[in-house]
Amino acid sequence: MTVEEYEWILSLDLDGEQDAGRLLEAARPEDSPGHGLFDWDAEKAANAHWLDVARGHIRYVTYRYIPGEKRVTRLAGVEYVKNPLIPHHESGYLRVSVIATERDTALAALANELREVQGRVTRTRLIAAKLGLADECEAGLREILGSQKRSRKAG
C-alpha cells in the first residue's frame, strides 16, 4: 500500500468510523486513489471469494453425519489445519486426526497455530496501547490463560 492509498483510506473516515462498503464504492472509479487496492475482474474476485468460503468450511467447521438422516449437523470444532509442510502462500489442509500420530507434522501444525495466536496478541497489545489500556489488556490475557489452565485441570 502506498502512502497516498493509506491517506486516502483515512480521508474516508467519518468522525472516527470506517466502513468497508463505503471504501469499496469510493475505490470503484478508475481515477480513485484507492482503485488499485482491488482486483476489479469480477470472475477473479468471485473465485477468490468462493475459495475463502471453501477455506472456512474446511478450517472452522466439523460436520456430523448420521447414516439414514437426510441432514448433516454443523458442530463447532476443528477437523483440518493448514498443511505445515507446504509454503504459507499455498492452499492445503491436513486432517487433525491423521497428523496426530505424526509428531513432527503435528508439532509444525501447532507452531503454525501458535504463530497465528501471537499475531492476534501483538495486534491486541497495539490496540490496547493506542487506547491507553495496556494494563487492562495484560490482565485480560492473564485471565484467558488462567481460565484455560483451570479448564484443562477440570477436564
N, C-alpha and C. Protein backbone atom coordinates (compact mmCIF):
# COMPACT_ATOMS: atom_id res chain seq x y z
N MET A 1 0.85 -1.17 0.00
CA MET A 1 0.00 0.00 0.00
C MET A 1 0.90 1.24 0.00
N THR A 2 0.53 2.20 -0.80
CA THR A 2 1.31 3.44 -0.86
C THR A 2 0.82 4.41 0.21
N VAL A 3 1.62 5.44 0.46
CA VAL A 3 1.23 6.48 1.40
C VAL A 3 -0.05 7.16 0.90
N GLU A 4 -0.13 7.40 -0.41
CA GLU A 4 -1.33 8.04 -0.99
C GLU A 4 -2.58 7.20 -0.71
N GLU A 5 -2.47 5.87 -0.91
CA GLU A 5 -3.62 4.99 -0.66
C GLU A 5 -4.00 4.99 0.81
N TYR A 6 -2.99 4.97 1.69
CA TYR A 6 -3.25 4.99 3.13
C TYR A 6 -3.94 6.29 3.54
N GLU A 7 -3.43 7.41 3.05
CA GLU A 7 -4.05 8.70 3.37
C GLU A 7 -5.46 8.79 2.79
N TRP A 8 -5.67 8.20 1.63
CA TRP A 8 -7.00 8.19 1.02
C TRP A 8 -7.98 7.42 1.90
N ILE A 9 -7.55 6.26 2.41
CA ILE A 9 -8.42 5.48 3.32
C ILE A 9 -8.76 6.31 4.55
N LEU A 10 -7.77 6.99 5.12
CA LEU A 10 -8.03 7.83 6.28
C LEU A 10 -8.99 8.96 5.95
N SER A 11 -8.93 9.47 4.71
CA SER A 11 -9.80 10.58 4.32
C SER A 11 -11.27 10.17 4.26
N LEU A 12 -11.54 8.89 4.15
CA LEU A 12 -12.92 8.40 4.09
C LEU A 12 -13.52 8.20 5.47
N ASP A 13 -12.71 8.35 6.49
CA ASP A 13 -13.12 8.21 7.88
C ASP A 13 -14.18 9.27 8.19
N LEU A 14 -15.31 8.84 8.74
CA LEU A 14 -16.37 9.76 9.14
C LEU A 14 -16.44 9.81 10.66
N ASP A 15 -15.88 10.84 11.24
CA ASP A 15 -15.88 11.02 12.70
C ASP A 15 -15.37 9.78 13.43
N GLY A 16 -14.31 9.21 12.91
CA GLY A 16 -13.70 8.06 13.57
C GLY A 16 -14.26 6.72 13.14
N GLU A 17 -15.19 6.70 12.21
CA GLU A 17 -15.78 5.44 11.74
C GLU A 17 -15.35 5.16 10.31
N GLN A 18 -15.13 3.89 10.04
CA GLN A 18 -14.78 3.45 8.70
C GLN A 18 -15.74 2.34 8.31
N ASP A 19 -16.00 2.19 7.04
CA ASP A 19 -16.94 1.19 6.56
C ASP A 19 -16.40 0.56 5.28
N ALA A 20 -16.36 -0.77 5.24
CA ALA A 20 -15.81 -1.47 4.08
C ALA A 20 -16.61 -1.17 2.81
N GLY A 21 -17.93 -1.11 2.92
CA GLY A 21 -18.77 -0.82 1.75
C GLY A 21 -18.50 0.57 1.20
N ARG A 22 -18.34 1.54 2.08
CA ARG A 22 -18.04 2.91 1.66
C ARG A 22 -16.67 2.96 0.98
N LEU A 23 -15.69 2.26 1.56
CA LEU A 23 -14.36 2.21 0.97
C LEU A 23 -14.40 1.60 -0.43
N LEU A 24 -15.11 0.49 -0.57
CA LEU A 24 -15.22 -0.17 -1.86
C LEU A 24 -15.85 0.74 -2.91
N GLU A 25 -16.95 1.38 -2.55
CA GLU A 25 -17.63 2.26 -3.51
C GLU A 25 -16.76 3.45 -3.88
N ALA A 26 -16.02 3.99 -2.93
CA ALA A 26 -15.16 5.13 -3.21
C ALA A 26 -13.98 4.72 -4.10
N ALA A 27 -13.58 3.46 -4.04
CA ALA A 27 -12.46 2.96 -4.84
C ALA A 27 -12.88 2.57 -6.25
N ARG A 28 -14.17 2.41 -6.48
CA ARG A 28 -14.66 1.91 -7.77
C ARG A 28 -14.26 2.77 -8.97
N PRO A 29 -14.35 4.09 -8.91
CA PRO A 29 -13.96 4.89 -10.09
C PRO A 29 -12.48 4.68 -10.43
N GLU A 30 -12.18 4.56 -11.71
CA GLU A 30 -10.81 4.27 -12.13
C GLU A 30 -9.81 5.36 -11.73
N ASP A 31 -10.29 6.59 -11.53
CA ASP A 31 -9.38 7.67 -11.14
C ASP A 31 -9.26 7.81 -9.62
N SER A 32 -9.90 6.91 -8.87
CA SER A 32 -9.82 6.94 -7.41
C SER A 32 -8.43 6.53 -6.93
N PRO A 33 -7.89 7.21 -5.92
CA PRO A 33 -6.58 6.80 -5.38
C PRO A 33 -6.58 5.37 -4.83
N GLY A 34 -7.75 4.86 -4.50
CA GLY A 34 -7.84 3.51 -3.95
C GLY A 34 -8.20 2.45 -4.97
N HIS A 35 -8.35 2.81 -6.23
CA HIS A 35 -8.79 1.85 -7.25
C HIS A 35 -7.85 0.65 -7.35
N GLY A 36 -6.57 0.89 -7.24
CA GLY A 36 -5.59 -0.18 -7.38
C GLY A 36 -5.53 -1.14 -6.20
N LEU A 37 -6.24 -0.84 -5.14
CA LEU A 37 -6.26 -1.74 -3.98
C LEU A 37 -7.12 -2.98 -4.23
N PHE A 38 -7.91 -2.95 -5.28
CA PHE A 38 -8.85 -4.04 -5.54
C PHE A 38 -8.61 -4.66 -6.90
N ASP A 39 -8.96 -5.95 -7.02
CA ASP A 39 -8.96 -6.63 -8.30
C ASP A 39 -10.39 -6.48 -8.83
N TRP A 40 -10.55 -5.73 -9.91
CA TRP A 40 -11.88 -5.42 -10.42
C TRP A 40 -12.38 -6.44 -11.43
N ASP A 41 -11.64 -7.49 -11.68
CA ASP A 41 -12.09 -8.55 -12.56
C ASP A 41 -13.12 -9.38 -11.78
N ALA A 42 -14.39 -9.27 -12.17
CA ALA A 42 -15.48 -9.89 -11.40
C ALA A 42 -15.31 -11.40 -11.29
N GLU A 43 -14.85 -12.05 -12.34
CA GLU A 43 -14.68 -13.50 -12.30
C GLU A 43 -13.59 -13.89 -11.30
N LYS A 44 -12.46 -13.20 -11.34
CA LYS A 44 -11.37 -13.48 -10.39
C LYS A 44 -11.82 -13.19 -8.96
N ALA A 45 -12.51 -12.07 -8.77
CA ALA A 45 -12.97 -11.69 -7.43
C ALA A 45 -13.97 -12.71 -6.88
N ALA A 46 -14.88 -13.16 -7.73
CA ALA A 46 -15.85 -14.16 -7.30
C ALA A 46 -15.15 -15.46 -6.93
N ASN A 47 -14.20 -15.87 -7.75
CA ASN A 47 -13.47 -17.10 -7.47
C ASN A 47 -12.69 -16.98 -6.16
N ALA A 48 -12.06 -15.82 -5.92
CA ALA A 48 -11.32 -15.61 -4.67
C ALA A 48 -12.28 -15.68 -3.47
N HIS A 49 -13.46 -15.10 -3.62
CA HIS A 49 -14.46 -15.16 -2.54
C HIS A 49 -14.89 -16.60 -2.29
N TRP A 50 -15.15 -17.33 -3.34
CA TRP A 50 -15.59 -18.73 -3.17
C TRP A 50 -14.50 -19.58 -2.54
N LEU A 51 -13.24 -19.30 -2.89
CA LEU A 51 -12.12 -20.02 -2.25
C LEU A 51 -12.07 -19.70 -0.76
N ASP A 52 -12.30 -18.45 -0.39
CA ASP A 52 -12.33 -18.08 1.04
C ASP A 52 -13.46 -18.81 1.77
N VAL A 53 -14.62 -18.90 1.13
CA VAL A 53 -15.74 -19.63 1.74
C VAL A 53 -15.37 -21.10 1.90
N ALA A 54 -14.77 -21.68 0.87
CA ALA A 54 -14.36 -23.09 0.93
C ALA A 54 -13.35 -23.30 2.06
N ARG A 55 -12.37 -22.39 2.18
CA ARG A 55 -11.38 -22.50 3.26
C ARG A 55 -12.07 -22.46 4.62
N GLY A 56 -13.05 -21.60 4.76
CA GLY A 56 -13.78 -21.52 6.03
C GLY A 56 -14.49 -22.82 6.36
N HIS A 57 -15.07 -23.44 5.35
CA HIS A 57 -15.74 -24.73 5.58
C HIS A 57 -14.74 -25.80 5.99
N ILE A 58 -13.55 -25.73 5.44
CA ILE A 58 -12.54 -26.73 5.77
C ILE A 58 -11.96 -26.48 7.16
N ARG A 59 -11.62 -25.23 7.46
CA ARG A 59 -10.87 -24.92 8.69
C ARG A 59 -11.70 -24.87 9.95
N TYR A 60 -12.90 -24.36 9.89
CA TYR A 60 -13.58 -23.98 11.12
C TYR A 60 -14.80 -24.80 11.50
N VAL A 61 -15.17 -25.75 10.70
CA VAL A 61 -16.43 -26.44 10.98
C VAL A 61 -16.23 -27.94 10.94
N THR A 62 -16.83 -28.60 11.89
CA THR A 62 -16.90 -30.05 11.87
C THR A 62 -18.36 -30.41 11.61
N TYR A 63 -18.57 -31.37 10.77
CA TYR A 63 -19.93 -31.81 10.47
C TYR A 63 -20.13 -33.22 11.00
N ARG A 64 -21.34 -33.47 11.44
CA ARG A 64 -21.68 -34.82 11.90
C ARG A 64 -22.75 -35.36 10.98
N TYR A 65 -22.48 -36.51 10.41
CA TYR A 65 -23.44 -37.16 9.52
C TYR A 65 -23.89 -38.44 10.19
N ILE A 66 -25.18 -38.60 10.30
CA ILE A 66 -25.75 -39.82 10.87
C ILE A 66 -26.42 -40.58 9.73
N PRO A 67 -25.89 -41.76 9.39
CA PRO A 67 -26.49 -42.52 8.29
C PRO A 67 -28.00 -42.69 8.49
N GLY A 68 -28.72 -42.52 7.42
CA GLY A 68 -30.17 -42.66 7.48
C GLY A 68 -30.87 -41.32 7.64
N GLU A 69 -30.18 -40.30 8.15
CA GLU A 69 -30.78 -38.97 8.27
C GLU A 69 -30.51 -38.19 7.00
N LYS A 70 -31.41 -37.27 6.70
CA LYS A 70 -31.27 -36.52 5.46
C LYS A 70 -30.55 -35.18 5.65
N ARG A 71 -29.93 -35.01 6.81
CA ARG A 71 -29.22 -33.75 7.02
C ARG A 71 -27.91 -34.01 7.75
N VAL A 72 -27.06 -33.01 7.65
CA VAL A 72 -25.78 -33.03 8.33
C VAL A 72 -25.84 -31.96 9.41
N THR A 73 -25.43 -32.28 10.61
CA THR A 73 -25.45 -31.33 11.71
C THR A 73 -24.11 -30.62 11.76
N ARG A 74 -24.17 -29.30 11.85
CA ARG A 74 -22.95 -28.49 11.91
C ARG A 74 -22.57 -28.29 13.37
N LEU A 75 -21.35 -28.65 13.70
CA LEU A 75 -20.85 -28.52 15.06
C LEU A 75 -19.64 -27.59 15.07
N ALA A 76 -19.40 -26.94 16.19
CA ALA A 76 -18.18 -26.15 16.32
C ALA A 76 -17.03 -27.12 16.52
N GLY A 77 -15.92 -26.84 15.92
CA GLY A 77 -14.77 -27.71 16.10
C GLY A 77 -13.77 -27.53 14.99
N VAL A 78 -12.72 -28.29 15.05
CA VAL A 78 -11.68 -28.21 14.04
C VAL A 78 -11.41 -29.61 13.52
N GLU A 79 -11.53 -29.77 12.24
CA GLU A 79 -11.28 -31.06 11.60
C GLU A 79 -9.98 -31.02 10.81
N TYR A 80 -9.66 -29.85 10.26
CA TYR A 80 -8.47 -29.69 9.42
C TYR A 80 -7.64 -28.50 9.91
N VAL A 81 -6.34 -28.56 9.65
CA VAL A 81 -5.44 -27.43 9.89
C VAL A 81 -4.65 -27.17 8.62
N LYS A 82 -4.13 -25.96 8.51
CA LYS A 82 -3.27 -25.61 7.38
C LYS A 82 -2.11 -26.59 7.33
N ASN A 83 -1.83 -27.09 6.16
CA ASN A 83 -0.75 -28.05 5.99
C ASN A 83 0.59 -27.35 6.25
N PRO A 84 1.30 -27.73 7.32
CA PRO A 84 2.56 -27.05 7.65
C PRO A 84 3.72 -27.48 6.75
N LEU A 85 3.49 -28.45 5.90
CA LEU A 85 4.55 -28.98 5.04
C LEU A 85 4.64 -28.28 3.69
N ILE A 86 3.72 -27.35 3.44
CA ILE A 86 3.74 -26.61 2.17
C ILE A 86 3.98 -25.13 2.46
N PRO A 87 4.45 -24.37 1.47
CA PRO A 87 4.68 -22.93 1.70
C PRO A 87 3.40 -22.23 2.18
N HIS A 88 3.60 -21.21 3.00
CA HIS A 88 2.47 -20.50 3.62
C HIS A 88 1.48 -19.94 2.59
N HIS A 89 1.98 -19.48 1.45
CA HIS A 89 1.10 -18.86 0.44
C HIS A 89 0.29 -19.88 -0.36
N GLU A 90 0.59 -21.16 -0.20
CA GLU A 90 -0.15 -22.19 -0.92
C GLU A 90 -1.31 -22.69 -0.05
N SER A 91 -2.34 -23.19 -0.70
CA SER A 91 -3.52 -23.68 0.00
C SER A 91 -3.46 -25.19 0.14
N GLY A 92 -3.72 -25.66 1.32
CA GLY A 92 -3.75 -27.09 1.56
C GLY A 92 -3.97 -27.36 3.03
N TYR A 93 -4.70 -28.40 3.35
CA TYR A 93 -5.07 -28.69 4.73
C TYR A 93 -4.86 -30.17 5.01
N LEU A 94 -4.62 -30.46 6.27
CA LEU A 94 -4.46 -31.84 6.72
C LEU A 94 -5.47 -32.12 7.82
N ARG A 95 -6.02 -33.32 7.83
CA ARG A 95 -6.97 -33.72 8.86
C ARG A 95 -6.21 -33.91 10.18
N VAL A 96 -6.72 -33.30 11.23
CA VAL A 96 -6.07 -33.34 12.54
C VAL A 96 -5.90 -34.77 13.03
N SER A 97 -6.92 -35.58 12.86
CA SER A 97 -6.84 -36.95 13.36
C SER A 97 -5.77 -37.77 12.64
N VAL A 98 -5.43 -37.39 11.41
CA VAL A 98 -4.40 -38.10 10.66
C VAL A 98 -3.00 -37.67 11.13
N ILE A 99 -2.79 -36.35 11.32
CA ILE A 99 -1.45 -35.90 11.70
C ILE A 99 -1.18 -36.06 13.19
N ALA A 100 -2.19 -36.39 13.97
CA ALA A 100 -1.98 -36.57 15.41
C ALA A 100 -0.97 -37.66 15.70
N THR A 101 -0.83 -38.61 14.81
CA THR A 101 0.11 -39.71 15.01
C THR A 101 1.47 -39.45 14.37
N GLU A 102 1.60 -38.31 13.69
CA GLU A 102 2.86 -37.93 13.04
C GLU A 102 3.46 -36.75 13.80
N ARG A 103 4.25 -37.02 14.81
CA ARG A 103 4.69 -36.00 15.77
C ARG A 103 5.32 -34.77 15.12
N ASP A 104 6.23 -34.93 14.17
CA ASP A 104 6.88 -33.78 13.56
C ASP A 104 5.88 -32.89 12.83
N THR A 105 4.96 -33.50 12.10
CA THR A 105 3.94 -32.74 11.39
C THR A 105 2.99 -32.08 12.38
N ALA A 106 2.63 -32.82 13.43
CA ALA A 106 1.74 -32.26 14.45
C ALA A 106 2.40 -31.06 15.14
N LEU A 107 3.68 -31.15 15.44
CA LEU A 107 4.40 -30.04 16.06
C LEU A 107 4.47 -28.83 15.13
N ALA A 108 4.67 -29.08 13.84
CA ALA A 108 4.71 -27.99 12.86
C ALA A 108 3.34 -27.32 12.74
N ALA A 109 2.29 -28.13 12.78
CA ALA A 109 0.93 -27.57 12.71
C ALA A 109 0.64 -26.73 13.96
N LEU A 110 1.06 -27.23 15.11
CA LEU A 110 0.87 -26.49 16.36
C LEU A 110 1.65 -25.17 16.31
N ALA A 111 2.87 -25.21 15.78
CA ALA A 111 3.66 -23.99 15.66
C ALA A 111 2.95 -22.96 14.78
N ASN A 112 2.33 -23.41 13.68
CA ASN A 112 1.55 -22.51 12.83
C ASN A 112 0.43 -21.85 13.61
N GLU A 113 -0.30 -22.65 14.39
CA GLU A 113 -1.42 -22.11 15.17
C GLU A 113 -0.92 -21.11 16.21
N LEU A 114 0.20 -21.42 16.84
CA LEU A 114 0.75 -20.50 17.85
C LEU A 114 1.22 -19.20 17.22
N ARG A 115 1.76 -19.25 15.98
CA ARG A 115 2.14 -18.01 15.29
C ARG A 115 0.91 -17.15 15.03
N GLU A 116 -0.21 -17.78 14.70
CA GLU A 116 -1.44 -17.01 14.49
C GLU A 116 -1.90 -16.36 15.79
N VAL A 117 -1.82 -17.11 16.89
CA VAL A 117 -2.19 -16.56 18.20
C VAL A 117 -1.27 -15.38 18.53
N GLN A 118 0.04 -15.56 18.30
CA GLN A 118 0.99 -14.48 18.59
C GLN A 118 0.65 -13.23 17.79
N GLY A 119 0.26 -13.41 16.54
CA GLY A 119 -0.13 -12.27 15.72
C GLY A 119 -1.33 -11.55 16.29
N ARG A 120 -2.32 -12.29 16.76
CA ARG A 120 -3.51 -11.68 17.35
C ARG A 120 -3.17 -10.97 18.66
N VAL A 121 -2.29 -11.59 19.46
CA VAL A 121 -1.90 -10.97 20.73
C VAL A 121 -1.14 -9.67 20.45
N THR A 122 -0.24 -9.69 19.48
CA THR A 122 0.51 -8.49 19.13
C THR A 122 -0.44 -7.38 18.69
N ARG A 123 -1.40 -7.72 17.83
CA ARG A 123 -2.38 -6.72 17.38
C ARG A 123 -3.19 -6.19 18.55
N THR A 124 -3.62 -7.07 19.44
CA THR A 124 -4.42 -6.66 20.60
C THR A 124 -3.62 -5.71 21.48
N ARG A 125 -2.35 -6.02 21.70
CA ARG A 125 -1.50 -5.15 22.53
C ARG A 125 -1.31 -3.78 21.87
N LEU A 126 -1.14 -3.74 20.55
CA LEU A 126 -1.00 -2.46 19.87
C LEU A 126 -2.26 -1.62 20.01
N ILE A 127 -3.41 -2.26 19.85
CA ILE A 127 -4.68 -1.55 20.00
C ILE A 127 -4.83 -1.05 21.43
N ALA A 128 -4.53 -1.92 22.41
CA ALA A 128 -4.64 -1.53 23.81
C ALA A 128 -3.74 -0.34 24.12
N ALA A 129 -2.53 -0.33 23.59
CA ALA A 129 -1.61 0.78 23.83
C ALA A 129 -2.18 2.08 23.28
N LYS A 130 -2.75 2.02 22.07
CA LYS A 130 -3.34 3.23 21.47
C LYS A 130 -4.55 3.71 22.28
N LEU A 131 -5.24 2.78 22.92
CA LEU A 131 -6.42 3.13 23.73
C LEU A 131 -6.04 3.51 25.16
N GLY A 132 -4.77 3.38 25.50
CA GLY A 132 -4.34 3.66 26.87
C GLY A 132 -4.79 2.58 27.84
N LEU A 133 -4.92 1.34 27.36
CA LEU A 133 -5.44 0.24 28.18
C LEU A 133 -4.47 -0.94 28.23
N ALA A 134 -3.17 -0.65 28.21
CA ALA A 134 -2.18 -1.73 28.20
C ALA A 134 -2.28 -2.61 29.44
N ASP A 135 -2.46 -2.02 30.61
CA ASP A 135 -2.55 -2.82 31.84
C ASP A 135 -3.78 -3.72 31.82
N GLU A 136 -4.90 -3.18 31.35
CA GLU A 136 -6.13 -3.98 31.26
C GLU A 136 -5.97 -5.11 30.26
N CYS A 137 -5.27 -4.84 29.19
CA CYS A 137 -5.01 -5.87 28.18
C CYS A 137 -4.21 -7.01 28.79
N GLU A 138 -3.13 -6.69 29.47
CA GLU A 138 -2.29 -7.72 30.06
C GLU A 138 -3.07 -8.52 31.10
N ALA A 139 -3.92 -7.85 31.87
CA ALA A 139 -4.76 -8.55 32.85
C ALA A 139 -5.72 -9.50 32.15
N GLY A 140 -6.29 -9.05 31.05
CA GLY A 140 -7.20 -9.90 30.29
C GLY A 140 -6.50 -11.11 29.70
N LEU A 141 -5.29 -10.90 29.18
CA LEU A 141 -4.53 -12.03 28.64
C LEU A 141 -4.18 -13.03 29.74
N ARG A 142 -3.80 -12.53 30.91
CA ARG A 142 -3.51 -13.45 32.03
C ARG A 142 -4.77 -14.22 32.42
N GLU A 143 -5.92 -13.57 32.39
CA GLU A 143 -7.18 -14.23 32.74
C GLU A 143 -7.52 -15.33 31.73
N ILE A 144 -7.33 -15.03 30.46
CA ILE A 144 -7.59 -16.03 29.42
C ILE A 144 -6.71 -17.25 29.63
N LEU A 145 -5.43 -17.04 29.83
CA LEU A 145 -4.50 -18.16 30.03
C LEU A 145 -4.81 -18.89 31.32
N GLY A 146 -5.16 -18.17 32.37
CA GLY A 146 -5.52 -18.80 33.65
C GLY A 146 -6.77 -19.65 33.53
N SER A 147 -7.78 -19.15 32.81
CA SER A 147 -9.02 -19.92 32.68
C SER A 147 -8.78 -21.16 31.82
N GLN A 148 -7.86 -21.07 30.85
CA GLN A 148 -7.54 -22.25 30.05
C GLN A 148 -6.87 -23.31 30.90
N LYS A 149 -5.96 -22.89 31.79
CA LYS A 149 -5.29 -23.85 32.69
C LYS A 149 -6.29 -24.51 33.62
N ARG A 150 -7.20 -23.71 34.19
CA ARG A 150 -8.22 -24.27 35.09
C ARG A 150 -9.12 -25.24 34.34
N SER A 151 -9.45 -24.91 33.10
CA SER A 151 -10.31 -25.77 32.30
C SER A 151 -9.64 -27.12 32.01
N ARG A 152 -8.35 -27.11 31.71
CA ARG A 152 -7.64 -28.37 31.45
C ARG A 152 -7.56 -29.22 32.71
N LYS A 153 -7.34 -28.60 33.87
CA LYS A 153 -7.27 -29.37 35.12
C LYS A 153 -8.61 -30.01 35.44
N ALA A 154 -9.71 -29.30 35.17
CA ALA A 154 -11.05 -29.82 35.47
C ALA A 154 -11.40 -30.97 34.53
N GLY A 155 -10.86 -30.92 33.30
CA GLY A 155 -11.21 -31.94 32.29
C GLY A 155 -10.47 -33.16 32.52
